[in-house]
Amino acid sequence: MHWFKVGNGELMLHPTDTQSNTDAVFQLIVNEVDLLFESVLEKELTPLDFSNGEKVITEPTVQPWGYKEFCLRDPDG
């Protein structure tokens, strides 16, 4: 994994075992995940829980390891 500071947040690039144009994962760590989640909804994007079969969610998910998170799929594929 590779971590980068972005303002008050962090960006994590998560490597995969194979090279593909569809397997890139970016993780952005922010202080206010709920505010970011609301912004995503306002932009009419669809938040997902990838750890639960890409289930559409209405609020961020708290994972067993403590992260409060949600996922997005690139609307352009």
C-alpha atoms as a PDB file:
ATOM      1  CA  MET A   1       0.000   0.000   0.000  1.00  0.00           C
ATOM      2  CA  HIS A   2       1.082   3.549  -0.673  1.00  0.00           C
ATOM      3  CA  TRP A   3      -0.119   6.458   1.479  1.00  0.00           C
ATOM      4  CA  PHE A   4      -0.115  10.142   0.489  1.00  0.00           C
ATOM      5  CA  LYS A   5      -1.087  13.196   2.570  1.00  0.00           C
ATOM      6  CA  VAL A   6      -3.763  15.311   0.835  1.00  0.00           C
ATOM      7  CA  GLY A   7      -4.543  18.469   2.775  1.00  0.00           C
ATOM      8  CA  ASN A   8      -6.007  17.274   6.095  1.00  0.00           C
ATOM      9  CA  GLY A   9      -6.698  13.806   4.701  1.00  0.00           C
ATOM     10  CA  GLU A  10      -4.804  10.862   3.272  1.00  0.00           C
ATOM     11  CA  LEU A  11      -5.004   8.917   0.025  1.00  0.00           C
ATOM     12  CA  MET A  12      -4.122   5.223  -0.058  1.00  0.00           C
ATOM     13  CA  LEU A  13      -3.388   3.371  -3.296  1.00  0.00           C
ATOM     14  CA  HIS A  14      -4.104  -0.311  -2.848  1.00  0.00           C
ATOM     15  CA  PRO A  15      -2.161  -2.691  -5.117  1.00  0.00           C
ATOM     16  CA  THR A  16      -3.683  -5.828  -6.600  1.00  0.00           C
ATOM     17  CA  ASP A  17      -2.112  -9.133  -7.607  1.00  0.00           C
ATOM     18  CA  THR A  18      -3.004  -8.636 -11.281  1.00  0.00           C
ATOM     19  CA  GLN A  19      -2.786  -5.743 -13.703  1.00  0.00           C
ATOM     20  CA  SER A  20      -6.126  -4.578 -15.026  1.00  0.00           C
ATOM     21  CA  ASN A  21      -7.859  -1.331 -15.902  1.00  0.00           C
ATOM     22  CA  THR A  22     -10.764  -2.348 -13.637  1.00  0.00           C
ATOM     23  CA  ASP A  23      -8.948  -3.307 -10.418  1.00  0.00           C
ATOM     24  CA  ALA A  24      -7.651   0.048  -9.155  1.00  0.00           C
ATOM     25  CA  VAL A  25      -8.659   0.844  -5.576  1.00  0.00           C
ATOM     26  CA  PHE A  26      -8.214   4.289  -4.022  1.00  0.00           C
ATOM     27  CA  GLN A  27      -8.962   4.867  -0.366  1.00  0.00           C
ATOM     28  CA  LEU A  28      -9.382   8.428   0.854  1.00  0.00           C
ATOM     29  CA  ILE A  29      -9.185   9.004   4.606  1.00  0.00           C
ATOM     30  CA  VAL A  30     -11.106  12.096   5.791  1.00  0.00           C
ATOM     31  CA  ASN A  31     -12.030  13.578   9.152  1.00  0.00           C
ATOM     32  CA  GLU A  32     -15.758  13.915   8.369  1.00  0.00           C
ATOM     33  CA  VAL A  33     -16.901  10.819   6.470  1.00  0.00           C
ATOM     34  CA  ASP A  34     -20.569  11.671   7.086  1.00  0.00           C
ATOM     35  CA  LEU A  35     -20.204  15.055   5.359  1.00  0.00           C
ATOM     36  CA  LEU A  36     -18.457  13.425   2.412  1.00  0.00           C
ATOM     37  CA  PHE A  37     -21.205  10.784   2.259  1.00  0.00           C
ATOM     38  CA  GLU A  38     -23.891  13.501   2.100  1.00  0.00           C
ATOM     39  CA  SER A  39     -21.943  15.227  -0.679  1.00  0.00           C
ATOM     40  CA  VAL A  40     -21.871  11.954  -2.632  1.00  0.00           C
ATOM     41  CA  LEU A  41     -25.647  11.609  -2.283  1.00  0.00           C
ATOM     42  CA  GLU A  42     -26.180  15.222  -3.399  1.00  0.00           C
ATOM     43  CA  LYS A  43     -24.166  14.446  -6.558  1.00  0.00           C
ATOM     44  CA  GLU A  44     -26.524  11.501  -7.170  1.00  0.00           C
ATOM     45  CA  LEU A  45     -23.704   8.944  -6.930  1.00  0.00           C
ATOM     46  CA  THR A  46     -24.453   5.488  -5.499  1.00  0.00           C
ATOM     47  CA  PRO A  47     -22.551   4.586  -2.311  1.00  0.00           C
ATOM     48  CA  LEU A  48     -21.802   0.877  -1.926  1.00  0.00           C
ATOM     49  CA  ASP A  49     -20.526  -1.565   0.683  1.00  0.00           C
ATOM     50  CA  PHE A  50     -17.976  -3.704  -1.197  1.00  0.00           C
ATOM     51  CA  SER A  51     -17.545  -6.008   1.816  1.00  0.00           C
ATOM     52  CA  ASN A  52     -21.227  -6.948   1.524  1.00  0.00           C
ATOM     53  CA  GLY A  53     -21.548  -7.898  -2.146  1.00  0.00           C
ATOM     54  CA  GLU A  54     -21.619  -4.301  -3.407  1.00  0.00           C
ATOM     55  CA  LYS A  55     -24.825  -3.602  -1.492  1.00  0.00           C
ATOM     56  CA  VAL A  56     -26.235  -0.082  -2.012  1.00  0.00           C
ATOM     57  CA  ILE A  57     -26.109   1.719   1.354  1.00  0.00           C
ATOM     58  CA  THR A  58     -27.849   4.749   2.858  1.00  0.00           C
ATOM     59  CA  GLU A  59     -25.180   5.523   5.470  1.00  0.00           C
ATOM     60  CA  PRO A  60     -21.482   4.759   5.894  1.00  0.00           C
ATOM     61  CA  THR A  61     -20.669   1.256   7.127  1.00  0.00           C
ATOM     62  CA  VAL A  62     -18.608   0.678  10.292  1.00  0.00           C
ATOM     63  CA  GLN A  63     -16.231  -2.194   9.547  1.00  0.00           C
ATOM     64  CA  PRO A  64     -15.056  -4.683  12.211  1.00  0.00           C
ATOM     65  CA  TRP A  65     -11.592  -3.035  12.156  1.00  0.00           C
ATOM     66  CA  GLY A  66     -13.162   0.321  13.094  1.00  0.00           C
ATOM     67  CA  TYR A  67     -13.192   2.203   9.793  1.00  0.00           C
ATOM     68  CA  LYS A  68     -16.408   4.036   8.990  1.00  0.00           C
ATOM     69  CA  GLU A  69     -16.525   3.868   5.215  1.00  0.00           C
ATOM     70  CA  PHE A  70     -18.357   3.605   1.931  1.00  0.00           C
ATOM     71  CA  CYS A  71     -17.289   2.761  -1.588  1.00  0.00           C
ATOM     72  CA  LEU A  72     -17.969   4.193  -5.011  1.00  0.00           C
ATOM     73  CA  ARG A  73     -17.626   2.610  -8.417  1.00  0.00           C
ATOM     74  CA  ASP A  74     -16.294   4.823 -11.216  1.00  0.00           C
ATOM     75  CA  PRO A  75     -19.397   5.907 -13.149  1.00  0.00           C
ATOM     76  CA  ASP A  76     -17.361   5.737 -16.387  1.00  0.00           C
ATOM     77  CA  GLY A  77     -16.477   2.092 -15.731  1.00  0.00           C
END
